[in-house]
Amino acid sequence: MNHNGDKRSVSFEGLVGTDEVIAYLESLRTALEKGTVYIRNGQDVVGLEPAPEITMEVEARSKKEKQVLKLALRWERVDDPEIDPLEAFVITDREPELPQVVIEEVEE
């Protein structure tokens, strides 16, 4: 996995048969169920750890001879599973209390 902040990407665009598309989608489904998705193209590999909740974007277009279906999945990786991201989001009629932040002093 890419935990150290390095940016990695893998992409692919090419003509494939419907059976291959189905096989890739089935592989993606299996990987999502197992909680780890690896994408490789040649020597480039990206490992992903999908979050329990995923933003899904679907776009479909049809124009004369050309039809397009785009699927995008995205999520935020939470480093500390003890922290619920929804706890940080608050709407209230009073000024909310901010969590205590401990700042360690660095000795020089």
PDB file of N, CA and C in Angstrom:
ATOM      1  N   MET A   1       0.833  -1.182   0.000  1.00  0.00           N
ATOM      2  CA  MET A   1       0.000   0.000   0.000  1.00  0.00           C
ATOM      3  C   MET A   1       0.875   1.242   0.000  1.00  0.00           C
ATOM      4  N   ASN A   2       0.297   2.304  -0.358  1.00  0.00           N
ATOM      5  CA  ASN A   2       1.017   3.567  -0.479  1.00  0.00           C
ATOM      6  C   ASN A   2       0.705   4.443   0.739  1.00  0.00           C
ATOM      7  N   HIS A   3       1.281   4.097   1.907  1.00  0.00           N
ATOM      8  CA  HIS A   3       0.979   4.816   3.137  1.00  0.00           C
ATOM      9  C   HIS A   3       1.899   5.992   3.396  1.00  0.00           C
ATOM     10  N   ASN A   4       2.999   6.083   2.676  1.00  0.00           N
ATOM     11  CA  ASN A   4       3.987   7.113   2.996  1.00  0.00           C
ATOM     12  C   ASN A   4       3.760   8.428   2.258  1.00  0.00           C
ATOM     13  N   GLY A   5       2.645   8.582   1.565  1.00  0.00           N
ATOM     14  CA  GLY A   5       2.333   9.842   0.921  1.00  0.00           C
ATOM     15  C   GLY A   5       2.821   9.969  -0.506  1.00  0.00           C
ATOM     16  N   ASP A   6       3.559   8.968  -1.012  1.00  0.00           N
ATOM     17  CA  ASP A   6       3.993   9.013  -2.404  1.00  0.00           C
ATOM     18  C   ASP A   6       2.773   8.935  -3.309  1.00  0.00           C
ATOM     19  N   LYS A   7       2.782   9.744  -4.348  1.00  0.00           N
ATOM     20  CA  LYS A   7       1.683   9.719  -5.301  1.00  0.00           C
ATOM     21  C   LYS A   7       1.984   8.672  -6.354  1.00  0.00           C
ATOM     22  N   ARG A   8       1.068   7.763  -6.552  1.00  0.00           N
ATOM     23  CA  ARG A   8       1.217   6.727  -7.567  1.00  0.00           C
ATOM     24  C   ARG A   8      -0.049   6.672  -8.402  1.00  0.00           C
ATOM     25  N   SER A   9       0.106   6.328  -9.646  1.00  0.00           N
ATOM     26  CA  SER A   9      -1.074   6.174 -10.489  1.00  0.00           C
ATOM     27  C   SER A   9      -0.818   5.118 -11.552  1.00  0.00           C
ATOM     28  N   VAL A  10      -1.897   4.490 -11.952  1.00  0.00           N
ATOM     29  CA  VAL A  10      -1.890   3.519 -13.033  1.00  0.00           C
ATOM     30  C   VAL A  10      -3.105   3.824 -13.881  1.00  0.00           C
ATOM     31  N   SER A  11      -2.942   3.804 -15.172  1.00  0.00           N
ATOM     32  CA  SER A  11      -4.096   4.039 -16.040  1.00  0.00           C
ATOM     33  C   SER A  11      -4.056   3.077 -17.209  1.00  0.00           C
ATOM     34  N   PHE A  12      -5.203   2.909 -17.821  1.00  0.00           N
ATOM     35  CA  PHE A  12      -5.322   2.046 -18.980  1.00  0.00           C
ATOM     36  C   PHE A  12      -6.456   2.554 -19.854  1.00  0.00           C
ATOM     37  N   GLU A  13      -6.218   2.588 -21.127  1.00  0.00           N
ATOM     38  CA  GLU A  13      -7.277   2.854 -22.097  1.00  0.00           C
ATOM     39  C   GLU A  13      -6.961   2.008 -23.312  1.00  0.00           C
ATOM     40  N   GLY A  14      -7.903   1.210 -23.738  1.00  0.00           N
ATOM     41  CA  GLY A  14      -7.695   0.358 -24.902  1.00  0.00           C
ATOM     42  C   GLY A  14      -8.971  -0.367 -25.277  1.00  0.00           C
ATOM     43  N   LEU A  15      -8.952  -0.940 -26.440  1.00  0.00           N
ATOM     44  CA  LEU A  15     -10.103  -1.670 -26.940  1.00  0.00           C
ATOM     45  C   LEU A  15     -10.060  -3.096 -26.406  1.00  0.00           C
ATOM     46  N   VAL A  16     -11.079  -3.494 -25.658  1.00  0.00           N
ATOM     47  CA  VAL A  16     -11.179  -4.850 -25.123  1.00  0.00           C
ATOM     48  C   VAL A  16     -12.581  -5.380 -25.390  1.00  0.00           C
ATOM     49  N   GLY A  17     -12.696  -6.688 -25.381  1.00  0.00           N
ATOM     50  CA  GLY A  17     -13.997  -7.310 -25.608  1.00  0.00           C
ATOM     51  C   GLY A  17     -14.895  -7.197 -24.384  1.00  0.00           C
ATOM     52  N   THR A  18     -16.186  -7.350 -24.595  1.00  0.00           N
ATOM     53  CA  THR A  18     -17.155  -7.282 -23.505  1.00  0.00           C
ATOM     54  C   THR A  18     -16.845  -8.308 -22.422  1.00  0.00           C
ATOM     55  N   ASP A  19     -16.421  -9.521 -22.818  1.00  0.00           N
ATOM     56  CA  ASP A  19     -16.088 -10.554 -21.834  1.00  0.00           C
ATOM     57  C   ASP A  19     -14.940 -10.110 -20.928  1.00  0.00           C
ATOM     58  N   GLU A  20     -13.939  -9.439 -21.490  1.00  0.00           N
ATOM     59  CA  GLU A  20     -12.817  -8.949 -20.682  1.00  0.00           C
ATOM     60  C   GLU A  20     -13.276  -7.852 -19.722  1.00  0.00           C
ATOM     61  N   VAL A  21     -14.159  -6.968 -20.194  1.00  0.00           N
ATOM     62  CA  VAL A  21     -14.683  -5.912 -19.322  1.00  0.00           C
ATOM     63  C   VAL A  21     -15.411  -6.546 -18.143  1.00  0.00           C
ATOM     64  N   ILE A  22     -16.227  -7.543 -18.425  1.00  0.00           N
ATOM     65  CA  ILE A  22     -16.967  -8.237 -17.362  1.00  0.00           C
ATOM     66  C   ILE A  22     -15.992  -8.891 -16.380  1.00  0.00           C
ATOM     67  N   ALA A  23     -14.941  -9.514 -16.897  1.00  0.00           N
ATOM     68  CA  ALA A  23     -13.948 -10.158 -16.027  1.00  0.00           C
ATOM     69  C   ALA A  23     -13.249  -9.128 -15.136  1.00  0.00           C
ATOM     70  N   TYR A  24     -12.890  -7.960 -15.686  1.00  0.00           N
ATOM     71  CA  TYR A  24     -12.264  -6.914 -14.883  1.00  0.00           C
ATOM     72  C   TYR A  24     -13.229  -6.418 -13.800  1.00  0.00           C
ATOM     73  N   LEU A  25     -14.488  -6.227 -14.158  1.00  0.00           N
ATOM     74  CA  LEU A  25     -15.472  -5.766 -13.178  1.00  0.00           C
ATOM     75  C   LEU A  25     -15.694  -6.809 -12.086  1.00  0.00           C
ATOM     76  N   GLU A  26     -15.699  -8.073 -12.453  1.00  0.00           N
ATOM     77  CA  GLU A  26     -15.832  -9.134 -11.452  1.00  0.00           C
ATOM     78  C   GLU A  26     -14.609  -9.178 -10.535  1.00  0.00           C
ATOM     79  N   SER A  27     -13.420  -8.974 -11.097  1.00  0.00           N
ATOM     80  CA  SER A  27     -12.204  -8.912 -10.277  1.00  0.00           C
ATOM     81  C   SER A  27     -12.260  -7.727  -9.325  1.00  0.00           C
ATOM     82  N   LEU A  28     -12.760  -6.594  -9.804  1.00  0.00           N
ATOM     83  CA  LEU A  28     -12.908  -5.416  -8.965  1.00  0.00           C
ATOM     84  C   LEU A  28     -13.882  -5.695  -7.831  1.00  0.00           C
ATOM     85  N   ARG A  29     -14.986  -6.347  -8.145  1.00  0.00           N
ATOM     86  CA  ARG A  29     -15.976  -6.695  -7.117  1.00  0.00           C
ATOM     87  C   ARG A  29     -15.348  -7.569  -6.032  1.00  0.00           C
ATOM     88  N   THR A  30     -14.623  -8.588  -6.434  1.00  0.00           N
ATOM     89  CA  THR A  30     -13.972  -9.488  -5.483  1.00  0.00           C
ATOM     90  C   THR A  30     -12.969  -8.735  -4.625  1.00  0.00           C
ATOM     91  N   ALA A  31     -12.172  -7.884  -5.246  1.00  0.00           N
ATOM     92  CA  ALA A  31     -11.170  -7.110  -4.505  1.00  0.00           C
ATOM     93  C   ALA A  31     -11.842  -6.161  -3.511  1.00  0.00           C
ATOM     94  N   LEU A  32     -12.925  -5.501  -3.917  1.00  0.00           N
ATOM     95  CA  LEU A  32     -13.644  -4.604  -3.007  1.00  0.00           C
ATOM     96  C   LEU A  32     -14.200  -5.373  -1.818  1.00  0.00           C
ATOM     97  N   GLU A  33     -14.738  -6.560  -2.068  1.00  0.00           N
ATOM     98  CA  GLU A  33     -15.275  -7.385  -0.981  1.00  0.00           C
ATOM     99  C   GLU A  33     -14.176  -7.778   0.007  1.00  0.00           C
ATOM    100  N   LYS A  34     -12.967  -8.026  -0.509  1.00  0.00           N
ATOM    101  CA  LYS A  34     -11.847  -8.422   0.351  1.00  0.00           C
ATOM    102  C   LYS A  34     -11.178  -7.229   1.023  1.00  0.00           C
ATOM    103  N   GLY A  35     -11.466  -5.999   0.550  1.00  0.00           N
ATOM    104  CA  GLY A  35     -10.951  -4.806   1.203  1.00  0.00           C
ATOM    105  C   GLY A  35      -9.629  -4.279   0.680  1.00  0.00           C
ATOM    106  N   THR A  36      -9.091  -4.900  -0.359  1.00  0.00           N
ATOM    107  CA  THR A  36      -7.840  -4.429  -0.943  1.00  0.00           C
ATOM    108  C   THR A  36      -7.930  -4.569  -2.460  1.00  0.00           C
ATOM    109  N   VAL A  37      -7.606  -3.497  -3.160  1.00  0.00           N
ATOM    110  CA  VAL A  37      -7.641  -3.501  -4.625  1.00  0.00           C
ATOM    111  C   VAL A  37      -6.247  -3.167  -5.132  1.00  0.00           C
ATOM    112  N   TYR A  38      -5.701  -4.037  -5.955  1.00  0.00           N
ATOM    113  CA  TYR A  38      -4.419  -3.768  -6.608  1.00  0.00           C
ATOM    114  C   TYR A  38      -4.667  -3.617  -8.096  1.00  0.00           C
ATOM    115  N   ILE A  39      -4.116  -2.556  -8.669  1.00  0.00           N
ATOM    116  CA  ILE A  39      -4.205  -2.312 -10.107  1.00  0.00           C
ATOM    117  C   ILE A  39      -2.779  -2.300 -10.638  1.00  0.00           C
ATOM    118  N   ARG A  40      -2.536  -3.108 -11.681  1.00  0.00           N
ATOM    119  CA  ARG A  40      -1.196  -3.171 -12.271  1.00  0.00           C
ATOM    120  C   ARG A  40      -1.310  -2.996 -13.774  1.00  0.00           C
ATOM    121  N   ASN A  41      -0.390  -2.222 -14.323  1.00  0.00           N
ATOM    122  CA  ASN A  41      -0.242  -2.094 -15.763  1.00  0.00           C
ATOM    123  C   ASN A  41       1.261  -2.112 -16.025  1.00  0.00           C
ATOM    124  N   GLY A  42       1.757  -3.206 -16.539  1.00  0.00           N
ATOM    125  CA  GLY A  42       3.190  -3.364 -16.742  1.00  0.00           C
ATOM    126  C   GLY A  42       3.897  -3.399 -15.407  1.00  0.00           C
ATOM    127  N   GLN A  43       4.868  -2.504 -15.216  1.00  0.00           N
ATOM    128  CA  GLN A  43       5.630  -2.435 -13.973  1.00  0.00           C
ATOM    129  C   GLN A  43       4.987  -1.508 -12.932  1.00  0.00           C
ATOM    130  N   ASP A  44       3.935  -0.799 -13.303  1.00  0.00           N
ATOM    131  CA  ASP A  44       3.280   0.144 -12.397  1.00  0.00           C
ATOM    132  C   ASP A  44       2.175  -0.561 -11.612  1.00  0.00           C
ATOM    133  N   VAL A  45       2.203  -0.395 -10.286  1.00  0.00           N
ATOM    134  CA  VAL A  45       1.209  -1.010  -9.409  1.00  0.00           C
ATOM    135  C   VAL A  45       0.730   0.021  -8.398  1.00  0.00           C
ATOM    136  N   VAL A  46      -0.576   0.055  -8.177  1.00  0.00           N
ATOM    137  CA  VAL A  46      -1.159   0.883  -7.129  1.00  0.00           C
ATOM    138  C   VAL A  46      -2.029  -0.029  -6.272  1.00  0.00           C
ATOM    139  N   GLY A  47      -1.818   0.041  -4.952  1.00  0.00           N
ATOM    140  CA  GLY A  47      -2.643  -0.692  -4.007  1.00  0.00           C
ATOM    141  C   GLY A  47      -3.588   0.262  -3.307  1.00  0.00           C
ATOM    142  N   LEU A  48      -4.843  -0.120  -3.221  1.00  0.00           N
ATOM    143  CA  LEU A  48      -5.864   0.728  -2.616  1.00  0.00           C
ATOM    144  C   LEU A  48      -6.585  -0.032  -1.510  1.00  0.00           C
ATOM    145  N   GLU A  49      -6.969   0.676  -0.471  1.00  0.00           N
ATOM    146  CA  GLU A  49      -7.754   0.116   0.624  1.00  0.00           C
ATOM    147  C   GLU A  49      -9.066   0.893   0.698  1.00  0.00           C
ATOM    148  N   PRO A  50     -10.109   0.413   0.040  1.00  0.00           N
ATOM    149  CA  PRO A  50     -11.378   1.139   0.029  1.00  0.00           C
ATOM    150  C   PRO A  50     -11.943   1.327   1.439  1.00  0.00           C
ATOM    151  N   ALA A  51     -12.511   2.493   1.660  1.00  0.00           N
ATOM    152  CA  ALA A  51     -13.167   2.800   2.927  1.00  0.00           C
ATOM    153  C   ALA A  51     -14.526   2.106   2.964  1.00  0.00           C
ATOM    154  N   PRO A  52     -15.123   1.997   4.145  1.00  0.00           N
ATOM    155  CA  PRO A  52     -16.444   1.375   4.241  1.00  0.00           C
ATOM    156  C   PRO A  52     -17.520   2.112   3.448  1.00  0.00           C
ATOM    157  N   GLU A  53     -17.350   3.418   3.283  1.00  0.00           N
ATOM    158  CA  GLU A  53     -18.297   4.191   2.483  1.00  0.00           C
ATOM    159  C   GLU A  53     -17.547   4.823   1.321  1.00  0.00           C
ATOM    160  N   ILE A  54     -18.096   4.655   0.129  1.00  0.00           N
ATOM    161  CA  ILE A  54     -17.442   5.070  -1.109  1.00  0.00           C
ATOM    162  C   ILE A  54     -18.367   6.009  -1.869  1.00  0.00           C
ATOM    163  N   THR A  55     -17.808   7.094  -2.364  1.00  0.00           N
ATOM    164  CA  THR A  55     -18.578   7.974  -3.240  1.00  0.00           C
ATOM    165  C   THR A  55     -18.533   7.373  -4.637  1.00  0.00           C
ATOM    166  N   MET A  56     -19.707   7.148  -5.211  1.00  0.00           N
ATOM    167  CA  MET A  56     -19.794   6.547  -6.538  1.00  0.00           C
ATOM    168  C   MET A  56     -20.403   7.561  -7.501  1.00  0.00           C
ATOM    169  N   GLU A  57     -19.759   7.722  -8.633  1.00  0.00           N
ATOM    170  CA  GLU A  57     -20.230   8.645  -9.669  1.00  0.00           C
ATOM    171  C   GLU A  57     -20.405   7.859 -10.957  1.00  0.00           C
ATOM    172  N   VAL A  58     -21.594   7.939 -11.538  1.00  0.00           N
ATOM    173  CA  VAL A  58     -21.890   7.248 -12.789  1.00  0.00           C
ATOM    174  C   VAL A  58     -22.365   8.279 -13.797  1.00  0.00           C
ATOM    175  N   GLU A  59     -21.817   8.199 -15.003  1.00  0.00           N
ATOM    176  CA  GLU A  59     -22.223   9.096 -16.085  1.00  0.00           C
ATOM    177  C   GLU A  59     -22.471   8.256 -17.332  1.00  0.00           C
ATOM    178  N   ALA A  60     -23.609   8.449 -17.963  1.00  0.00           N
ATOM    179  CA  ALA A  60     -23.931   7.751 -19.206  1.00  0.00           C
ATOM    180  C   ALA A  60     -24.327   8.786 -20.255  1.00  0.00           C
ATOM    181  N   ARG A  61     -23.766   8.639 -21.463  1.00  0.00           N
ATOM    182  CA  ARG A  61     -24.072   9.548 -22.571  1.00  0.00           C
ATOM    183  C   ARG A  61     -24.269   8.751 -23.849  1.00  0.00           C
ATOM    184  N   SER A  62     -25.179   9.220 -24.659  1.00  0.00           N
ATOM    185  CA  SER A  62     -25.406   8.599 -25.959  1.00  0.00           C
ATOM    186  C   SER A  62     -25.581   9.705 -26.992  1.00  0.00           C
ATOM    187  N   LYS A  63     -24.746   9.641 -28.051  1.00  0.00           N
ATOM    188  CA  LYS A  63     -24.798  10.658 -29.093  1.00  0.00           C
ATOM    189  C   LYS A  63     -24.496   9.985 -30.422  1.00  0.00           C
ATOM    190  N   LYS A  64     -25.476   9.907 -31.271  1.00  0.00           N
ATOM    191  CA  LYS A  64     -25.352   9.255 -32.579  1.00  0.00           C
ATOM    192  C   LYS A  64     -24.723   7.877 -32.440  1.00  0.00           C
ATOM    193  N   GLU A  65     -23.538   7.681 -32.950  1.00  0.00           N
ATOM    194  CA  GLU A  65     -22.873   6.375 -32.944  1.00  0.00           C
ATOM    195  C   GLU A  65     -22.080   6.094 -31.669  1.00  0.00           C
ATOM    196  N   LYS A  66     -21.800   7.138 -30.890  1.00  0.00           N
ATOM    197  CA  LYS A  66     -20.915   6.990 -29.734  1.00  0.00           C
ATOM    198  C   LYS A  66     -21.711   6.936 -28.431  1.00  0.00           C
ATOM    199  N   GLN A  67     -21.408   5.924 -27.620  1.00  0.00           N
ATOM    200  CA  GLN A  67     -22.015   5.805 -26.300  1.00  0.00           C
ATOM    201  C   GLN A  67     -20.893   5.689 -25.269  1.00  0.00           C
ATOM    202  N   VAL A  68     -21.104   6.322 -24.115  1.00  0.00           N
ATOM    203  CA  VAL A  68     -20.080   6.353 -23.075  1.00  0.00           C
ATOM    204  C   VAL A  68     -20.710   6.031 -21.735  1.00  0.00           C
ATOM    205  N   LEU A  69     -20.048   5.185 -20.971  1.00  0.00           N
ATOM    206  CA  LEU A  69     -20.425   4.903 -19.591  1.00  0.00           C
ATOM    207  C   LEU A  69     -19.174   5.079 -18.742  1.00  0.00           C
ATOM    208  N   LYS A  70     -19.216   6.008 -17.794  1.00  0.00           N
ATOM    209  CA  LYS A  70     -18.081   6.259 -16.910  1.00  0.00           C
ATOM    210  C   LYS A  70     -18.486   5.923 -15.485  1.00  0.00           C
ATOM    211  N   LEU A  71     -17.582   5.265 -14.794  1.00  0.00           N
ATOM    212  CA  LEU A  71     -17.788   4.914 -13.398  1.00  0.00           C
ATOM    213  C   LEU A  71     -16.576   5.382 -12.613  1.00  0.00           C
ATOM    214  N   ALA A  72     -16.818   6.180 -11.591  1.00  0.00           N
ATOM    215  CA  ALA A  72     -15.720   6.652 -10.737  1.00  0.00           C
ATOM    216  C   ALA A  72     -16.056   6.324  -9.290  1.00  0.00           C
ATOM    217  N   LEU A  73     -15.077   5.795  -8.579  1.00  0.00           N
ATOM    218  CA  LEU A  73     -15.211   5.497  -7.157  1.00  0.00           C
ATOM    219  C   LEU A  73     -14.125   6.273  -6.427  1.00  0.00           C
ATOM    220  N   ARG A  74     -14.475   6.905  -5.317  1.00  0.00           N
ATOM    221  CA  ARG A  74     -13.446   7.609  -4.543  1.00  0.00           C
ATOM    222  C   ARG A  74     -13.810   7.572  -3.061  1.00  0.00           C
ATOM    223  N   TRP A  75     -12.771   7.644  -2.260  1.00  0.00           N
ATOM    224  CA  TRP A  75     -12.947   7.618  -0.813  1.00  0.00           C
ATOM    225  C   TRP A  75     -11.740   8.259  -0.167  1.00  0.00           C
ATOM    226  N   GLU A  76     -11.894   8.596   1.082  1.00  0.00           N
ATOM    227  CA  GLU A  76     -10.801   9.142   1.876  1.00  0.00           C
ATOM    228  C   GLU A  76     -10.246   8.016   2.726  1.00  0.00           C
ATOM    229  N   ARG A  77      -8.939   7.897   2.753  1.00  0.00           N
ATOM    230  CA  ARG A  77      -8.304   6.884   3.597  1.00  0.00           C
ATOM    231  C   ARG A  77      -8.184   7.456   5.000  1.00  0.00           C
ATOM    232  N   VAL A  78      -8.698   6.739   5.968  1.00  0.00           N
ATOM    233  CA  VAL A  78      -8.637   7.161   7.360  1.00  0.00           C
ATOM    234  C   VAL A  78      -7.498   6.402   8.019  1.00  0.00           C
ATOM    235  N   ASP A  79      -6.468   7.136   8.456  1.00  0.00           N
ATOM    236  CA  ASP A  79      -5.309   6.505   9.082  1.00  0.00           C
ATOM    237  C   ASP A  79      -5.613   5.952  10.460  1.00  0.00           C
ATOM    238  N   ASP A  80      -6.494   6.623  11.204  1.00  0.00           N
ATOM    239  CA  ASP A  80      -6.813   6.195  12.557  1.00  0.00           C
ATOM    240  C   ASP A  80      -8.257   5.721  12.600  1.00  0.00           C
ATOM    241  N   PRO A  81      -8.490   4.403  12.564  1.00  0.00           N
ATOM    242  CA  PRO A  81      -9.861   3.907  12.552  1.00  0.00           C
ATOM    243  C   PRO A  81     -10.617   4.218  13.836  1.00  0.00           C
ATOM    244  N   GLU A  82      -9.923   4.674  14.884  1.00  0.00           N
ATOM    245  CA  GLU A  82     -10.575   5.027  16.138  1.00  0.00           C
ATOM    246  C   GLU A  82     -11.365   6.336  16.007  1.00  0.00           C
ATOM    247  N   ILE A  83     -11.016   7.147  15.002  1.00  0.00           N
ATOM    248  CA  ILE A  83     -11.656   8.451  14.829  1.00  0.00           C
ATOM    249  C   ILE A  83     -12.766   8.322  13.791  1.00  0.00           C
ATOM    250  N   ASP A  84     -13.979   8.660  14.202  1.00  0.00           N
ATOM    251  CA  ASP A  84     -15.111   8.650  13.297  1.00  0.00           C
ATOM    252  C   ASP A  84     -15.121   9.985  12.555  1.00  0.00           C
ATOM    253  N   PRO A  85     -14.974   9.984  11.195  1.00  0.00           N
ATOM    254  CA  PRO A  85     -14.923  11.257  10.466  1.00  0.00           C
ATOM    255  C   PRO A  85     -16.155  12.121  10.685  1.00  0.00           C
ATOM    256  N   LEU A  86     -17.310  11.501  10.983  1.00  0.00           N
ATOM    257  CA  LEU A  86     -18.520  12.286  11.191  1.00  0.00           C
ATOM    258  C   LEU A  86     -18.496  13.038  12.517  1.00  0.00           C
ATOM    259  N   GLU A  87     -17.637  12.605  13.456  1.00  0.00           N
ATOM    260  CA  GLU A  87     -17.522  13.334  14.722  1.00  0.00           C
ATOM    261  C   GLU A  87     -16.913  14.710  14.513  1.00  0.00           C
ATOM    262  N   ALA A  88     -16.149  14.898  13.454  1.00  0.00           N
ATOM    263  CA  ALA A  88     -15.500  16.178  13.195  1.00  0.00           C
ATOM    264  C   ALA A  88     -16.448  17.174  12.540  1.00  0.00           C
ATOM    265  N   PHE A  89     -17.555  16.685  11.996  1.00  0.00           N
ATOM    266  CA  PHE A  89     -18.502  17.553  11.292  1.00  0.00           C
ATOM    267  C   PHE A  89     -19.688  17.840  12.203  1.00  0.00           C
ATOM    268  N   VAL A  90     -19.932  19.130  12.470  1.00  0.00           N
ATOM    269  CA  VAL A  90     -20.995  19.504  13.391  1.00  0.00           C
ATOM    270  C   VAL A  90     -21.743  20.708  12.840  1.00  0.00           C
ATOM    271  N   ILE A  91     -23.064  20.674  12.970  1.00  0.00           N
ATOM    272  CA  ILE A  91     -23.898  21.847  12.714  1.00  0.00           C
ATOM    273  C   ILE A  91     -24.676  22.079  13.999  1.00  0.00           C
ATOM    274  N   THR A  92     -24.566  23.283  14.540  1.00  0.00           N
ATOM    275  CA  THR A  92     -25.201  23.555  15.823  1.00  0.00           C
ATOM    276  C   THR A  92     -25.560  25.030  15.927  1.00  0.00           C
ATOM    277  N   ASP A  93     -26.438  25.345  16.891  1.00  0.00           N
ATOM    278  CA  ASP A  93     -26.801  26.746  17.105  1.00  0.00           C
ATOM    279  C   ASP A  93     -25.913  27.400  18.162  1.00  0.00           C
ATOM    280  N   ARG A  94     -24.959  26.639  18.714  1.00  0.00           N
ATOM    281  CA  ARG A  94     -24.012  27.162  19.702  1.00  0.00           C
ATOM    282  C   ARG A  94     -22.593  26.917  19.216  1.00  0.00           C
ATOM    283  N   GLU A  95     -21.689  27.714  19.731  1.00  0.00           N
ATOM    284  CA  GLU A  95     -20.283  27.497  19.376  1.00  0.00           C
ATOM    285  C   GLU A  95     -19.846  26.158  19.941  1.00  0.00           C
ATOM    286  N   PRO A  96     -19.394  25.245  19.073  1.00  0.00           N
ATOM    287  CA  PRO A  96     -19.016  23.922  19.559  1.00  0.00           C
ATOM    288  C   PRO A  96     -17.678  23.947  20.279  1.00  0.00           C
ATOM    289  N   GLU A  97     -17.533  23.000  21.211  1.00  0.00           N
ATOM    290  CA  GLU A  97     -16.257  22.852  21.889  1.00  0.00           C
ATOM    291  C   GLU A  97     -15.293  22.164  20.946  1.00  0.00           C
ATOM    292  N   LEU A  98     -14.078  22.681  20.901  1.00  0.00           N
ATOM    293  CA  LEU A  98     -13.052  22.070  20.069  1.00  0.00           C
ATOM    294  C   LEU A  98     -12.302  21.027  20.882  1.00  0.00           C
ATOM    295  N   PRO A  99     -11.898  19.936  20.242  1.00  0.00           N
ATOM    296  CA  PRO A  99     -11.137  18.922  20.973  1.00  0.00           C
ATOM    297  C   PRO A  99      -9.807  19.483  21.447  1.00  0.00           C
ATOM    298  N   GLN A 100      -9.353  18.974  22.570  1.00  0.00           N
ATOM    299  CA  GLN A 100      -8.067  19.394  23.121  1.00  0.00           C
ATOM    300  C   GLN A 100      -6.946  18.909  22.209  1.00  0.00           C
ATOM    301  N   VAL A 101      -6.033  19.797  21.875  1.00  0.00           N
ATOM    302  CA  VAL A 101      -4.885  19.445  21.052  1.00  0.00           C
ATOM    303  C   VAL A 101      -3.648  19.532  21.930  1.00  0.00           C
ATOM    304  N   VAL A 102      -2.901  18.457  21.981  1.00  0.00           N
ATOM    305  CA  VAL A 102      -1.688  18.435  22.781  1.00  0.00           C
ATOM    306  C   VAL A 102      -0.516  18.754  21.867  1.00  0.00           C
ATOM    307  N   ILE A 103       0.205  19.801  22.207  1.00  0.00           N
ATOM    308  CA  ILE A 103       1.370  20.212  21.411  1.00  0.00           C
ATOM    309  C   ILE A 103       2.606  19.886  22.231  1.00  0.00           C
ATOM    310  N   GLU A 104       3.447  19.056  21.669  1.00  0.00           N
ATOM    311  CA  GLU A 104       4.675  18.688  22.357  1.00  0.00           C
ATOM    312  C   GLU A 104       5.754  19.707  22.007  1.00  0.00           C
ATOM    313  N   GLU A 105       6.451  20.173  23.025  1.00  0.00           N
ATOM    314  CA  GLU A 105       7.527  21.120  22.792  1.00  0.00           C
ATOM    315  C   GLU A 105       8.777  20.365  22.368  1.00  0.00           C
ATOM    316  N   VAL A 106       9.461  20.908  21.404  1.00  0.00           N
ATOM    317  CA  VAL A 106      10.688  20.308  20.902  1.00  0.00           C
ATOM    318  C   VAL A 106      11.857  20.983  21.596  1.00  0.00           C
ATOM    319  N   GLU A 107      12.693  20.172  22.221  1.00  0.00           N
ATOM    320  CA  GLU A 107      13.869  20.717  22.878  1.00  0.00           C
ATOM    321  C   GLU A 107      14.932  21.020  21.849  1.00  0.00           C
ATOM    322  N   GLU A 108      15.540  22.179  21.974  1.00  0.00           N
ATOM    323  CA  GLU A 108      16.599  22.569  21.030  1.00  0.00           C
ATOM    324  C   GLU A 108      17.951  22.389  21.607  1.00  0.00           C
TER     325      GLU A 108
END
